[in-house]
Structure formats: C-alpha cells, structure tokens
Amino acid sequence: MAEEIELKLALATTDQLRFLRHPLLREATAKTDQILDNTYFDTPELALRKRGVALRIRKQGRQRLQTVKLAAKASAGLSIRPEWETPYRGRFDFSPIEAVEIKQWLEQPEIVGRIGPLFQTRFRRITWHFPIPDGGEILLALDRGHVLSGGREEIISEVELELSGSSDVNALQQLATTLGSRVALTPESLSKAQRGYMLLK
C-alpha cells in the first residue's frame, strides 16, 4: 500500500511571485512544469464521500491516471493517508486497492455502476525535487488554478510538500520552515477534493 505523506500550505495569490523568487528553489536537483486536469467522481448521493473515499482521474499530457485515496489523518496541514494509483484505460480498476473492505465495496454493481463525474480541478503545477539524507526526496509543488464545481469556481493557490521514498516528517517541516521565513505560508486543512464538495452545496 502506498502512503501519501503531505504538508499542504495556503499561499496568497499576491505572494506567488515572491515565492517563485525564493533562493531555496535554486537548490532543487530537478524541476517540472505541468498542467493537470482532474475529474472527481462519486455517486449521485455522494456515497464515496460518506465512506471517506476520494476517486479521481487525472489527465497529465497524454496519460490518464486513476487515484483512490482514503480519508486522511490531518493536523496543521500535514496529512497521512493511503492511496492507490493505476493507469486509467476507460474503466475503473479497483484491483490495486489493498484495503479489502473498501475494494469490495467499490466493486459492487450498485456502487461502481452509479459512479459519475462530479467536479473538476485544473491547475498548473511546478514541482521542485529536494533529496534528503535518508535516500528519499521532498517534492515541493506550487499549484495555481481553479476548483470548478456546481457552476462555481474557487482559486487554487497553494504549496504542497510531499515525501517520496521516505517517512522523514521532520525534513518536511524543516523545508516548510525555511520557505516560510521569506513568504507567508499558512497550514491548509482542506484538500482540493473537499473544496470541490463544499462548492456543490
């Protein structure tokens, strides 16, 4: 089972340029720049949300990726949650999910047969890679775009720090502290999926 360990921080839109000028970014070993289109799915009565499941299809260039996430343990912007990703080939595939109860529940015809698109997010993501001593790395991402849900939209302007190949939360916090010394960053407790659901009301 993959486990996502992520620190999410809100960034004022007026501070985006200041963030991009942060000297720490020049120390990254790699950098990518992508446009990400995401569609979130649920049943008409929001059965997945009630069960603590988020289901997303991400379009990334020519690739489409299915992601299933379970409800996170979150505190001060730091979240730890199980997630499973698999290529999307035109139909949902829940076979990679190791949480057997959730997998069997999603595969029921009365659930999977009623799942449909609910809302979208579209944003530009710039990601910087920072190696850490235990052999893993921190992926530092700046996301700028919109949540589009229920005929409404909301701005996305946030910074995400995610551990890859590591569970060193202290390294995550240290990098966030260094960033926060030059630009205002505040813990963000709501995921993009949660914000999309809130706009539906």
C-alpha atoms as a PDB file:
ATOM      1  CA  MET A   1       0.000   0.000   0.000  1.00  0.00           C
ATOM      2  CA  ALA A   2       1.271   3.445  -0.905  1.00  0.00           C
ATOM      3  CA  GLU A   3       1.018   6.086   1.792  1.00  0.00           C
ATOM      4  CA  GLU A   4       0.873   9.762   0.937  1.00  0.00           C
ATOM      5  CA  ILE A   5       2.637  11.987   3.477  1.00  0.00           C
ATOM      6  CA  GLU A   6       1.991  15.570   2.530  1.00  0.00           C
ATOM      7  CA  LEU A   7       2.094  19.056   4.016  1.00  0.00           C
ATOM      8  CA  LYS A   8      -0.328  21.480   2.370  1.00  0.00           C
ATOM      9  CA  LEU A   9       0.119  25.239   2.796  1.00  0.00           C
ATOM     10  CA  ALA A  10      -2.020  28.106   1.531  1.00  0.00           C
ATOM     11  CA  LEU A  11      -0.266  30.882  -0.385  1.00  0.00           C
ATOM     12  CA  ALA A  12      -1.841  34.270  -1.107  1.00  0.00           C
ATOM     13  CA  THR A  13      -2.098  34.910  -4.848  1.00  0.00           C
ATOM     14  CA  THR A  14      -0.263  38.194  -4.292  1.00  0.00           C
ATOM     15  CA  ASP A  15       2.711  36.245  -2.885  1.00  0.00           C
ATOM     16  CA  GLN A  16       3.140  33.810  -5.785  1.00  0.00           C
ATOM     17  CA  LEU A  17       5.875  35.821  -7.498  1.00  0.00           C
ATOM     18  CA  ARG A  18       7.680  36.284  -4.190  1.00  0.00           C
ATOM     19  CA  PHE A  19       7.555  32.509  -3.681  1.00  0.00           C
ATOM     20  CA  LEU A  20       8.975  31.863  -7.163  1.00  0.00           C
ATOM     21  CA  ARG A  21      11.920  34.125  -6.317  1.00  0.00           C
ATOM     22  CA  HIS A  22      12.760  32.202  -3.127  1.00  0.00           C
ATOM     23  CA  PRO A  23      16.520  31.398  -3.187  1.00  0.00           C
ATOM     24  CA  LEU A  24      15.884  27.887  -1.855  1.00  0.00           C
ATOM     25  CA  LEU A  25      14.306  26.882  -5.181  1.00  0.00           C
ATOM     26  CA  ARG A  26      17.684  27.230  -6.890  1.00  0.00           C
ATOM     27  CA  GLU A  27      18.956  24.317  -4.774  1.00  0.00           C
ATOM     28  CA  ALA A  28      16.489  21.826  -6.278  1.00  0.00           C
ATOM     29  CA  THR A  29      18.039  18.946  -8.249  1.00  0.00           C
ATOM     30  CA  ALA A  30      15.170  18.809 -10.764  1.00  0.00           C
ATOM     31  CA  LYS A  31      12.117  20.825 -11.796  1.00  0.00           C
ATOM     32  CA  THR A  32       8.972  20.018 -13.773  1.00  0.00           C
ATOM     33  CA  ASP A  33       6.131  22.218 -15.022  1.00  0.00           C
ATOM     34  CA  GLN A  34       2.758  20.655 -15.908  1.00  0.00           C
ATOM     35  CA  ILE A  35      -0.909  21.451 -16.479  1.00  0.00           C
ATOM     36  CA  LEU A  36      -3.074  18.974 -14.539  1.00  0.00           C
ATOM     37  CA  ASP A  37      -6.744  18.352 -15.329  1.00  0.00           C
ATOM     38  CA  ASN A  38      -8.563  16.312 -12.691  1.00  0.00           C
ATOM     39  CA  THR A  39     -12.102  14.975 -12.574  1.00  0.00           C
ATOM     40  CA  TYR A  40     -13.514  13.718  -9.280  1.00  0.00           C
ATOM     41  CA  PHE A  41     -16.189  11.036  -9.218  1.00  0.00           C
ATOM     42  CA  ASP A  42     -18.956   9.922  -6.844  1.00  0.00           C
ATOM     43  CA  THR A  43     -22.464   8.504  -6.879  1.00  0.00           C
ATOM     44  CA  PRO A  44     -25.468  10.899  -7.023  1.00  0.00           C
ATOM     45  CA  GLU A  45     -25.968  10.548  -3.261  1.00  0.00           C
ATOM     46  CA  LEU A  46     -22.217  11.023  -2.582  1.00  0.00           C
ATOM     47  CA  ALA A  47     -21.694   7.503  -1.261  1.00  0.00           C
ATOM     48  CA  LEU A  48     -17.923   7.655  -1.733  1.00  0.00           C
ATOM     49  CA  ARG A  49     -17.579  10.847   0.244  1.00  0.00           C
ATOM     50  CA  LYS A  50     -19.661   9.390   3.075  1.00  0.00           C
ATOM     51  CA  ARG A  51     -17.341   6.374   3.101  1.00  0.00           C
ATOM     52  CA  GLY A  52     -14.220   8.568   3.216  1.00  0.00           C
ATOM     53  CA  VAL A  53     -13.118   7.667  -0.317  1.00  0.00           C
ATOM     54  CA  ALA A  54     -11.896  10.096  -2.989  1.00  0.00           C
ATOM     55  CA  LEU A  55     -11.795   8.886  -6.608  1.00  0.00           C
ATOM     56  CA  ARG A  56     -10.020  10.955  -9.235  1.00  0.00           C
ATOM     57  CA  ILE A  57      -8.960  10.651 -12.869  1.00  0.00           C
ATOM     58  CA  ARG A  58      -6.023  12.887 -13.745  1.00  0.00           C
ATOM     59  CA  LYS A  59      -5.138  13.880 -17.286  1.00  0.00           C
ATOM     60  CA  GLN A  60      -1.435  14.602 -17.477  1.00  0.00           C
ATOM     61  CA  GLY A  61      -0.329  15.135 -21.050  1.00  0.00           C
ATOM     62  CA  ARG A  62      -1.463  12.041 -22.958  1.00  0.00           C
ATOM     63  CA  GLN A  63      -1.593   9.913 -19.821  1.00  0.00           C
ATOM     64  CA  ARG A  64      -4.650   9.346 -17.650  1.00  0.00           C
ATOM     65  CA  LEU A  65      -4.212   8.116 -14.106  1.00  0.00           C
ATOM     66  CA  GLN A  66      -6.800   6.782 -11.648  1.00  0.00           C
ATOM     67  CA  THR A  67      -6.211   7.599  -7.984  1.00  0.00           C
ATOM     68  CA  VAL A  68      -8.138   6.333  -4.964  1.00  0.00           C
ATOM     69  CA  LYS A  69      -7.466   7.987  -1.612  1.00  0.00           C
ATOM     70  CA  LEU A  70      -8.921   7.299   1.805  1.00  0.00           C
ATOM     71  CA  ALA A  71      -9.729   9.903   4.441  1.00  0.00           C
ATOM     72  CA  ALA A  72      -6.571  11.491   5.835  1.00  0.00           C
ATOM     73  CA  LYS A  73      -5.257  11.870   9.331  1.00  0.00           C
ATOM     74  CA  ALA A  74      -4.610  15.607   9.193  1.00  0.00           C
ATOM     75  CA  SER A  75      -3.101  18.130  11.593  1.00  0.00           C
ATOM     76  CA  ALA A  76      -1.850  21.668  10.838  1.00  0.00           C
ATOM     77  CA  GLY A  77      -1.806  20.962   7.112  1.00  0.00           C
ATOM     78  CA  LEU A  78       0.066  17.638   7.453  1.00  0.00           C
ATOM     79  CA  SER A  79      -1.876  14.646   6.164  1.00  0.00           C
ATOM     80  CA  ILE A  80      -1.060  10.937   6.029  1.00  0.00           C
ATOM     81  CA  ARG A  81      -3.368   8.730   4.001  1.00  0.00           C
ATOM     82  CA  PRO A  82      -3.417   5.550   1.945  1.00  0.00           C
ATOM     83  CA  GLU A  83      -3.590   5.991  -1.812  1.00  0.00           C
ATOM     84  CA  TRP A  84      -3.509   3.746  -4.871  1.00  0.00           C
ATOM     85  CA  GLU A  85      -2.705   4.874  -8.408  1.00  0.00           C
ATOM     86  CA  THR A  86      -3.108   2.955 -11.649  1.00  0.00           C
ATOM     87  CA  PRO A  87      -3.310   3.865 -15.353  1.00  0.00           C
ATOM     88  CA  TYR A  88      -6.882   4.587 -16.439  1.00  0.00           C
ATOM     89  CA  ARG A  89      -7.926   2.761 -19.616  1.00  0.00           C
ATOM     90  CA  GLY A  90     -11.558   3.751 -19.931  1.00  0.00           C
ATOM     91  CA  ARG A  91     -12.973   1.871 -16.947  1.00  0.00           C
ATOM     92  CA  PHE A  92     -12.408   1.931 -13.211  1.00  0.00           C
ATOM     93  CA  ASP A  93      -9.987  -0.654 -11.864  1.00  0.00           C
ATOM     94  CA  PHE A  94     -10.074  -1.124  -8.107  1.00  0.00           C
ATOM     95  CA  SER A  95      -7.904  -4.255  -8.053  1.00  0.00           C
ATOM     96  CA  PRO A  96      -4.775  -2.449  -6.701  1.00  0.00           C
ATOM     97  CA  ILE A  97      -6.617  -1.394  -3.530  1.00  0.00           C
ATOM     98  CA  GLU A  98      -5.218  -3.357  -0.600  1.00  0.00           C
ATOM     99  CA  ALA A  99      -7.932  -2.253   1.828  1.00  0.00           C
ATOM    100  CA  VAL A 100     -10.108  -5.288   1.090  1.00  0.00           C
ATOM    101  CA  GLU A 101     -13.327  -3.932   2.583  1.00  0.00           C
ATOM    102  CA  ILE A 102     -13.118  -0.722   0.539  1.00  0.00           C
ATOM    103  CA  LYS A 103     -12.156  -2.607  -2.628  1.00  0.00           C
ATOM    104  CA  GLN A 104     -15.108  -4.995  -2.342  1.00  0.00           C
ATOM    105  CA  TRP A 105     -17.484  -2.132  -1.560  1.00  0.00           C
ATOM    106  CA  LEU A 106     -16.372  -0.108  -4.614  1.00  0.00           C
ATOM    107  CA  GLU A 107     -16.699  -3.143  -6.897  1.00  0.00           C
ATOM    108  CA  GLN A 108     -20.352  -3.725  -6.014  1.00  0.00           C
ATOM    109  CA  PRO A 109     -22.509  -3.141  -9.136  1.00  0.00           C
ATOM    110  CA  GLU A 110     -24.804  -0.792  -7.203  1.00  0.00           C
ATOM    111  CA  ILE A 111     -21.769   1.387  -6.402  1.00  0.00           C
ATOM    112  CA  VAL A 112     -19.443   1.207  -9.432  1.00  0.00           C
ATOM    113  CA  GLY A 113     -22.415   1.234 -11.802  1.00  0.00           C
ATOM    114  CA  ARG A 114     -23.619   4.574 -10.415  1.00  0.00           C
ATOM    115  CA  ILE A 115     -20.304   6.425 -10.188  1.00  0.00           C
ATOM    116  CA  GLY A 116     -20.135   9.501 -12.395  1.00  0.00           C
ATOM    117  CA  PRO A 117     -18.184  12.769 -12.774  1.00  0.00           C
ATOM    118  CA  LEU A 118     -18.905  15.344 -10.094  1.00  0.00           C
ATOM    119  CA  PHE A 119     -16.459  18.258 -10.300  1.00  0.00           C
ATOM    120  CA  GLN A 120     -13.081  19.251 -11.693  1.00  0.00           C
ATOM    121  CA  THR A 121      -9.845  20.968 -10.810  1.00  0.00           C
ATOM    122  CA  ARG A 122      -7.445  22.462 -13.331  1.00  0.00           C
ATOM    123  CA  PHE A 123      -4.136  23.932 -12.283  1.00  0.00           C
ATOM    124  CA  ARG A 124      -0.530  24.489 -13.261  1.00  0.00           C
ATOM    125  CA  ARG A 125       1.918  22.614 -11.057  1.00  0.00           C
ATOM    126  CA  ILE A 126       5.592  23.471 -10.816  1.00  0.00           C
ATOM    127  CA  THR A 127       7.498  20.828  -8.850  1.00  0.00           C
ATOM    128  CA  TRP A 128      10.998  21.071  -7.389  1.00  0.00           C
ATOM    129  CA  HIS A 129      12.895  17.980  -6.147  1.00  0.00           C
ATOM    130  CA  PHE A 130      14.977  18.091  -2.957  1.00  0.00           C
ATOM    131  CA  PRO A 131      16.963  14.999  -1.867  1.00  0.00           C
ATOM    132  CA  ILE A 132      17.035  14.257   1.875  1.00  0.00           C
ATOM    133  CA  PRO A 133      19.630  12.274   3.897  1.00  0.00           C
ATOM    134  CA  ASP A 134      17.648   9.034   4.232  1.00  0.00           C
ATOM    135  CA  GLY A 135      17.757   8.488   0.467  1.00  0.00           C
ATOM    136  CA  GLY A 136      14.282   9.823  -0.263  1.00  0.00           C
ATOM    137  CA  GLU A 137      13.272  13.228  -1.508  1.00  0.00           C
ATOM    138  CA  ILE A 138      10.791  16.007  -0.932  1.00  0.00           C
ATOM    139  CA  LEU A 139       8.630  17.078  -3.849  1.00  0.00           C
ATOM    140  CA  LEU A 140       7.820  20.759  -3.430  1.00  0.00           C
ATOM    141  CA  ALA A 141       4.917  21.850  -5.633  1.00  0.00           C
ATOM    142  CA  LEU A 142       3.311  25.204  -6.356  1.00  0.00           C
ATOM    143  CA  ASP A 143      -0.281  24.770  -7.585  1.00  0.00           C
ATOM    144  CA  ARG A 144      -2.121  27.642  -9.292  1.00  0.00           C
ATOM    145  CA  GLY A 145      -5.541  27.263 -10.885  1.00  0.00           C
ATOM    146  CA  HIS A 146      -9.194  26.635 -10.038  1.00  0.00           C
ATOM    147  CA  VAL A 147     -11.667  24.223  -8.483  1.00  0.00           C
ATOM    148  CA  LEU A 148     -14.746  24.039 -10.762  1.00  0.00           C
ATOM    149  CA  SER A 149     -17.807  22.619  -9.045  1.00  0.00           C
ATOM    150  CA  GLY A 150     -21.565  23.098  -9.092  1.00  0.00           C
ATOM    151  CA  GLY A 151     -21.328  26.011 -11.525  1.00  0.00           C
ATOM    152  CA  ARG A 152     -18.955  27.777  -9.141  1.00  0.00           C
ATOM    153  CA  GLU A 153     -15.218  28.182  -9.073  1.00  0.00           C
ATOM    154  CA  GLU A 154     -12.614  28.826  -6.433  1.00  0.00           C
ATOM    155  CA  ILE A 155      -8.975  29.823  -6.809  1.00  0.00           C
ATOM    156  CA  ILE A 156      -6.231  27.320  -6.066  1.00  0.00           C
ATOM    157  CA  SER A 157      -3.049  28.913  -4.740  1.00  0.00           C
ATOM    158  CA  GLU A 158      -1.171  26.510  -2.530  1.00  0.00           C
ATOM    159  CA  VAL A 159       2.143  24.866  -1.834  1.00  0.00           C
ATOM    160  CA  GLU A 160       2.434  21.124  -1.265  1.00  0.00           C
ATOM    161  CA  LEU A 161       5.426  19.312   0.180  1.00  0.00           C
ATOM    162  CA  GLU A 162       5.261  15.552  -0.289  1.00  0.00           C
ATOM    163  CA  LEU A 163       7.671  12.861   0.865  1.00  0.00           C
ATOM    164  CA  SER A 164       8.781  10.374  -1.794  1.00  0.00           C
ATOM    165  CA  GLY A 165      10.639   7.231  -0.740  1.00  0.00           C
ATOM    166  CA  SER A 166      10.836   8.494   2.829  1.00  0.00           C
ATOM    167  CA  SER A 167       8.821   8.955   6.014  1.00  0.00           C
ATOM    168  CA  ASP A 168      11.012  11.736   7.453  1.00  0.00           C
ATOM    169  CA  VAL A 169       8.321  14.206   8.512  1.00  0.00           C
ATOM    170  CA  ASN A 170      10.950  16.348  10.266  1.00  0.00           C
ATOM    171  CA  ALA A 171      12.671  17.011   6.934  1.00  0.00           C
ATOM    172  CA  LEU A 172       9.308  18.063   5.531  1.00  0.00           C
ATOM    173  CA  GLN A 173       8.728  20.502   8.382  1.00  0.00           C
ATOM    174  CA  GLN A 174      12.250  21.903   8.149  1.00  0.00           C
ATOM    175  CA  LEU A 175      11.877  22.688   4.456  1.00  0.00           C
ATOM    176  CA  ALA A 176       8.499  24.325   5.110  1.00  0.00           C
ATOM    177  CA  THR A 177      10.047  26.468   7.865  1.00  0.00           C
ATOM    178  CA  THR A 178      12.801  27.624   5.512  1.00  0.00           C
ATOM    179  CA  LEU A 179      10.240  28.564   2.865  1.00  0.00           C
ATOM    180  CA  GLY A 180       8.084  30.356   5.431  1.00  0.00           C
ATOM    181  CA  SER A 181      10.943  32.586   6.519  1.00  0.00           C
ATOM    182  CA  ARG A 182      10.657  34.541   3.252  1.00  0.00           C
ATOM    183  CA  VAL A 183       6.985  34.218   2.278  1.00  0.00           C
ATOM    184  CA  ALA A 184       3.762  33.815   4.254  1.00  0.00           C
ATOM    185  CA  LEU A 185       2.502  30.221   4.199  1.00  0.00           C
ATOM    186  CA  THR A 186      -0.383  29.001   6.363  1.00  0.00           C
ATOM    187  CA  PRO A 187      -1.492  25.405   7.023  1.00  0.00           C
ATOM    188  CA  GLU A 188      -4.325  24.322   4.710  1.00  0.00           C
ATOM    189  CA  SER A 189      -6.544  21.631   6.188  1.00  0.00           C
ATOM    190  CA  LEU A 190      -8.847  21.203   3.170  1.00  0.00           C
ATOM    191  CA  SER A 191      -7.893  19.066   0.193  1.00  0.00           C
ATOM    192  CA  LYS A 192      -8.865  20.086  -3.336  1.00  0.00           C
ATOM    193  CA  ALA A 193     -11.487  17.306  -3.261  1.00  0.00           C
ATOM    194  CA  GLN A 194     -13.009  18.652  -0.039  1.00  0.00           C
ATOM    195  CA  ARG A 195     -13.184  22.135  -1.528  1.00  0.00           C
ATOM    196  CA  GLY A 196     -14.950  20.757  -4.595  1.00  0.00           C
ATOM    197  CA  TYR A 197     -17.571  19.023  -2.464  1.00  0.00           C
ATOM    198  CA  MET A 198     -18.122  22.192  -0.435  1.00  0.00           C
ATOM    199  CA  LEU A 199     -18.846  24.194  -3.601  1.00  0.00           C
ATOM    200  CA  LEU A 200     -21.630  21.775  -4.510  1.00  0.00           C
ATOM    201  CA  LYS A 201     -23.763  22.985  -1.593  1.00  0.00           C
END
